[in-house]
Amino acid sequence: MKDIGQQYQLLLNKELDVLERERRKDYERLFDDLARQKMVRADIHIEQALELERKYIQCFFKHAIAQYKKFKNPHESDLKMLEKMYRHEINSFFGRSLQRMLGIVSNVRGSITDAFVLNFLEKVQSEAFKAFESAKVH
């Protein structure tokens, strides 16, 4: 089972690296576009950044679930480790997203608050956990 766990972790880390590179590029494009439009200090900046975070969290959890399903084998008795790894990675991804978004909120003068950002990302995190629970059943 440990080999499966290591393999799963390797696949998740690989996907996370790919998504982080894509996310950086998307943020650069977003901020460049907003700066050109002189909208960097507007709520639209935060809203678009939140949508990027949602997009990347969803991409990650869909990949993680697909990989989990590949490992799901009736002969394996302990899939708890894979579930624990999934939850850990989603929480870690959530933490990085929250940290990034709180930094953006503090640098952008707008009406969107830290609480709004936290609530938004918690909903996406909850969606990731619900999707995993659904995948376990099917």
C-alpha atoms as a PDB file:
ATOM      1  CA  MET A   1       0.000   0.000   0.000  1.00  0.00           C
ATOM      2  CA  LYS A   2       2.899   2.324   0.716  1.00  0.00           C
ATOM      3  CA  ASP A   3       4.010   2.077  -2.927  1.00  0.00           C
ATOM      4  CA  ILE A   4       0.539   3.121  -4.058  1.00  0.00           C
ATOM      5  CA  GLY A   5       0.653   6.050  -1.633  1.00  0.00           C
ATOM      6  CA  GLN A   6       4.039   7.159  -2.926  1.00  0.00           C
ATOM      7  CA  GLN A   7       2.878   6.820  -6.508  1.00  0.00           C
ATOM      8  CA  TYR A   8      -0.299   8.801  -5.766  1.00  0.00           C
ATOM      9  CA  GLN A   9       1.709  11.531  -4.030  1.00  0.00           C
ATOM     10  CA  LEU A  10       4.109  11.707  -6.974  1.00  0.00           C
ATOM     11  CA  LEU A  11       1.208  12.131  -9.416  1.00  0.00           C
ATOM     12  CA  LEU A  12      -0.371  14.844  -7.267  1.00  0.00           C
ATOM     13  CA  ASN A  13       2.918  16.716  -6.911  1.00  0.00           C
ATOM     14  CA  LYS A  14       3.517  16.549 -10.647  1.00  0.00           C
ATOM     15  CA  GLU A  15       0.045  17.975 -11.381  1.00  0.00           C
ATOM     16  CA  LEU A  16       0.483  20.631  -8.717  1.00  0.00           C
ATOM     17  CA  ASP A  17       3.736  21.800 -10.328  1.00  0.00           C
ATOM     18  CA  VAL A  18       2.062  22.040 -13.742  1.00  0.00           C
ATOM     19  CA  LEU A  19      -0.898  23.961 -12.319  1.00  0.00           C
ATOM     20  CA  GLU A  20       1.342  26.363 -10.393  1.00  0.00           C
ATOM     21  CA  ARG A  21       3.235  27.262 -13.575  1.00  0.00           C
ATOM     22  CA  GLU A  22      -0.034  27.788 -15.468  1.00  0.00           C
ATOM     23  CA  ARG A  23      -1.478  29.822 -12.619  1.00  0.00           C
ATOM     24  CA  ARG A  24       1.548  32.147 -12.532  1.00  0.00           C
ATOM     25  CA  LYS A  25       1.195  32.774 -16.264  1.00  0.00           C
ATOM     26  CA  ASP A  26      -2.547  33.427 -15.914  1.00  0.00           C
ATOM     27  CA  TYR A  27      -1.956  35.858 -13.039  1.00  0.00           C
ATOM     28  CA  GLU A  28       0.664  37.732 -15.048  1.00  0.00           C
ATOM     29  CA  ARG A  29      -1.751  38.039 -17.972  1.00  0.00           C
ATOM     30  CA  LEU A  30      -4.612  39.079 -15.692  1.00  0.00           C
ATOM     31  CA  PHE A  31      -2.609  41.749 -13.914  1.00  0.00           C
ATOM     32  CA  ASP A  32      -1.092  43.043 -17.147  1.00  0.00           C
ATOM     33  CA  ASP A  33      -4.556  43.312 -18.713  1.00  0.00           C
ATOM     34  CA  LEU A  34      -5.991  45.059 -15.671  1.00  0.00           C
ATOM     35  CA  ALA A  35      -3.039  47.448 -15.492  1.00  0.00           C
ATOM     36  CA  ARG A  36      -3.482  48.336 -19.165  1.00  0.00           C
ATOM     37  CA  GLN A  37      -7.142  49.037 -18.461  1.00  0.00           C
ATOM     38  CA  LYS A  38      -6.193  51.012 -15.329  1.00  0.00           C
ATOM     39  CA  MET A  39      -8.373  48.691 -13.247  1.00  0.00           C
ATOM     40  CA  VAL A  40      -5.720  47.294 -10.894  1.00  0.00           C
ATOM     41  CA  ARG A  41      -7.273  48.920  -7.869  1.00  0.00           C
ATOM     42  CA  ALA A  42     -10.816  47.797  -8.568  1.00  0.00           C
ATOM     43  CA  ASP A  43     -12.874  44.917  -7.196  1.00  0.00           C
ATOM     44  CA  ILE A  44     -12.748  43.296 -10.623  1.00  0.00           C
ATOM     45  CA  HIS A  45      -9.107  42.471  -9.901  1.00  0.00           C
ATOM     46  CA  ILE A  46     -10.066  40.430  -6.845  1.00  0.00           C
ATOM     47  CA  GLU A  47     -13.083  38.816  -8.500  1.00  0.00           C
ATOM     48  CA  GLN A  48     -11.044  37.653 -11.480  1.00  0.00           C
ATOM     49  CA  ALA A  49      -8.276  36.374  -9.206  1.00  0.00           C
ATOM     50  CA  LEU A  50     -10.855  34.410  -7.193  1.00  0.00           C
ATOM     51  CA  GLU A  51     -12.161  32.826 -10.378  1.00  0.00           C
ATOM     52  CA  LEU A  52      -8.609  31.822 -11.293  1.00  0.00           C
ATOM     53  CA  GLU A  53      -8.194  30.214  -7.873  1.00  0.00           C
ATOM     54  CA  ARG A  54     -11.490  28.346  -8.307  1.00  0.00           C
ATOM     55  CA  LYS A  55     -10.379  27.137 -11.731  1.00  0.00           C
ATOM     56  CA  TYR A  56      -7.074  25.785 -10.457  1.00  0.00           C
ATOM     57  CA  ILE A  57      -8.475  24.165  -7.319  1.00  0.00           C
ATOM     58  CA  GLN A  58     -11.099  22.430  -9.482  1.00  0.00           C
ATOM     59  CA  CYS A  59      -8.479  21.268 -11.984  1.00  0.00           C
ATOM     60  CA  PHE A  60      -6.388  19.891  -9.146  1.00  0.00           C
ATOM     61  CA  PHE A  61      -9.165  18.049  -7.358  1.00  0.00           C
ATOM     62  CA  LYS A  62     -10.524  16.576 -10.580  1.00  0.00           C
ATOM     63  CA  HIS A  63      -7.054  15.265 -11.396  1.00  0.00           C
ATOM     64  CA  ALA A  64      -6.592  13.955  -7.850  1.00  0.00           C
ATOM     65  CA  ILE A  65      -9.933  12.121  -7.972  1.00  0.00           C
ATOM     66  CA  ALA A  66      -9.179  10.635 -11.391  1.00  0.00           C
ATOM     67  CA  GLN A  67      -5.863   9.321 -10.073  1.00  0.00           C
ATOM     68  CA  TYR A  68      -7.566   7.986  -6.938  1.00  0.00           C
ATOM     69  CA  LYS A  69     -10.063   6.066  -9.073  1.00  0.00           C
ATOM     70  CA  LYS A  70      -7.215   4.469 -11.007  1.00  0.00           C
ATOM     71  CA  PHE A  71      -5.758   3.145  -7.760  1.00  0.00           C
ATOM     72  CA  LYS A  72      -9.089   2.069  -6.370  1.00  0.00           C
ATOM     73  CA  ASN A  73      -8.860  -1.678  -6.404  1.00  0.00           C
ATOM     74  CA  PRO A  74     -11.175  -4.142  -4.673  1.00  0.00           C
ATOM     75  CA  HIS A  75      -8.116  -6.048  -3.450  1.00  0.00           C
ATOM     76  CA  GLU A  76      -6.743  -3.043  -1.595  1.00  0.00           C
ATOM     77  CA  SER A  77      -8.017  -2.992   1.966  1.00  0.00           C
ATOM     78  CA  ASP A  78      -6.761   0.383   3.070  1.00  0.00           C
ATOM     79  CA  LEU A  79      -7.701   3.291   0.833  1.00  0.00           C
ATOM     80  CA  LYS A  80      -7.765   5.545   3.899  1.00  0.00           C
ATOM     81  CA  MET A  81      -4.174   6.576   3.223  1.00  0.00           C
ATOM     82  CA  LEU A  82      -5.064   7.820  -0.268  1.00  0.00           C
ATOM     83  CA  GLU A  83      -8.048   9.685   1.140  1.00  0.00           C
ATOM     84  CA  LYS A  84      -5.867  11.243   3.813  1.00  0.00           C
ATOM     85  CA  MET A  85      -3.363  12.319   1.165  1.00  0.00           C
ATOM     86  CA  TYR A  86      -6.160  13.805  -0.966  1.00  0.00           C
ATOM     87  CA  ARG A  87      -7.519  15.786   1.967  1.00  0.00           C
ATOM     88  CA  HIS A  88      -4.046  16.982   2.918  1.00  0.00           C
ATOM     89  CA  GLU A  89      -3.295  18.178  -0.616  1.00  0.00           C
ATOM     90  CA  ILE A  90      -6.663  19.947  -0.959  1.00  0.00           C
ATOM     91  CA  ASN A  91      -6.098  21.678   2.390  1.00  0.00           C
ATOM     92  CA  SER A  92      -2.589  22.643   1.318  1.00  0.00           C
ATOM     93  CA  PHE A  93      -3.840  23.982  -2.033  1.00  0.00           C
ATOM     94  CA  PHE A  94      -6.583  25.881  -0.189  1.00  0.00           C
ATOM     95  CA  GLY A  95      -4.019  27.407   2.175  1.00  0.00           C
ATOM     96  CA  ARG A  96      -1.829  28.636  -0.664  1.00  0.00           C
ATOM     97  CA  SER A  97      -4.858  30.045  -2.492  1.00  0.00           C
ATOM     98  CA  LEU A  98      -6.093  31.798   0.633  1.00  0.00           C
ATOM     99  CA  GLN A  99      -2.675  33.271   1.338  1.00  0.00           C
ATOM    100  CA  ARG A 100      -2.359  34.500  -2.239  1.00  0.00           C
ATOM    101  CA  MET A 101      -5.852  36.024  -2.218  1.00  0.00           C
ATOM    102  CA  LEU A 102      -5.419  37.742   1.151  1.00  0.00           C
ATOM    103  CA  GLY A 103      -2.251  39.319  -0.232  1.00  0.00           C
ATOM    104  CA  ILE A 104      -4.177  40.564  -3.242  1.00  0.00           C
ATOM    105  CA  VAL A 105      -7.004  41.934  -1.072  1.00  0.00           C
ATOM    106  CA  SER A 106      -4.519  43.825   1.102  1.00  0.00           C
ATOM    107  CA  ASN A 107      -2.873  45.372  -1.974  1.00  0.00           C
ATOM    108  CA  VAL A 108      -6.050  46.303  -3.827  1.00  0.00           C
ATOM    109  CA  ARG A 109      -8.280  49.068  -2.613  1.00  0.00           C
ATOM    110  CA  GLY A 110     -11.751  47.723  -3.078  1.00  0.00           C
ATOM    111  CA  SER A 111     -14.866  46.757  -1.211  1.00  0.00           C
ATOM    112  CA  ILE A 112     -14.139  43.005  -1.166  1.00  0.00           C
ATOM    113  CA  THR A 113     -13.106  41.849   2.301  1.00  0.00           C
ATOM    114  CA  ASP A 114     -10.922  39.054   3.665  1.00  0.00           C
ATOM    115  CA  ALA A 115     -14.088  37.374   4.974  1.00  0.00           C
ATOM    116  CA  PHE A 116     -15.604  37.319   1.480  1.00  0.00           C
ATOM    117  CA  VAL A 117     -12.444  35.724   0.080  1.00  0.00           C
ATOM    118  CA  LEU A 118     -12.335  33.147   2.883  1.00  0.00           C
ATOM    119  CA  ASN A 119     -16.001  32.254   2.374  1.00  0.00           C
ATOM    120  CA  PHE A 120     -15.537  31.936  -1.400  1.00  0.00           C
ATOM    121  CA  LEU A 121     -12.515  29.648  -1.092  1.00  0.00           C
ATOM    122  CA  GLU A 122     -14.120  27.568   1.672  1.00  0.00           C
ATOM    123  CA  LYS A 123     -17.015  26.837  -0.687  1.00  0.00           C
ATOM    124  CA  VAL A 124     -14.579  25.655  -3.360  1.00  0.00           C
ATOM    125  CA  GLN A 125     -12.739  23.538  -0.779  1.00  0.00           C
ATOM    126  CA  SER A 126     -16.050  22.036   0.350  1.00  0.00           C
ATOM    127  CA  GLU A 127     -16.868  21.248  -3.279  1.00  0.00           C
ATOM    128  CA  ALA A 128     -13.558  19.369  -3.540  1.00  0.00           C
ATOM    129  CA  PHE A 129     -14.340  17.276  -0.463  1.00  0.00           C
ATOM    130  CA  LYS A 130     -17.883  16.526  -1.652  1.00  0.00           C
ATOM    131  CA  ALA A 131     -16.582  15.483  -5.064  1.00  0.00           C
ATOM    132  CA  PHE A 132     -14.186  13.073  -3.384  1.00  0.00           C
ATOM    133  CA  GLU A 133     -16.926  11.580  -1.208  1.00  0.00           C
ATOM    134  CA  SER A 134     -19.036  11.082  -4.318  1.00  0.00           C
ATOM    135  CA  ALA A 135     -16.106   9.425  -6.109  1.00  0.00           C
ATOM    136  CA  LYS A 136     -15.604   7.014  -3.208  1.00  0.00           C
ATOM    137  CA  VAL A 137     -19.190   5.813  -3.508  1.00  0.00           C
ATOM    138  CA  HIS A 138     -19.115   5.317  -7.275  1.00  0.00           C
END
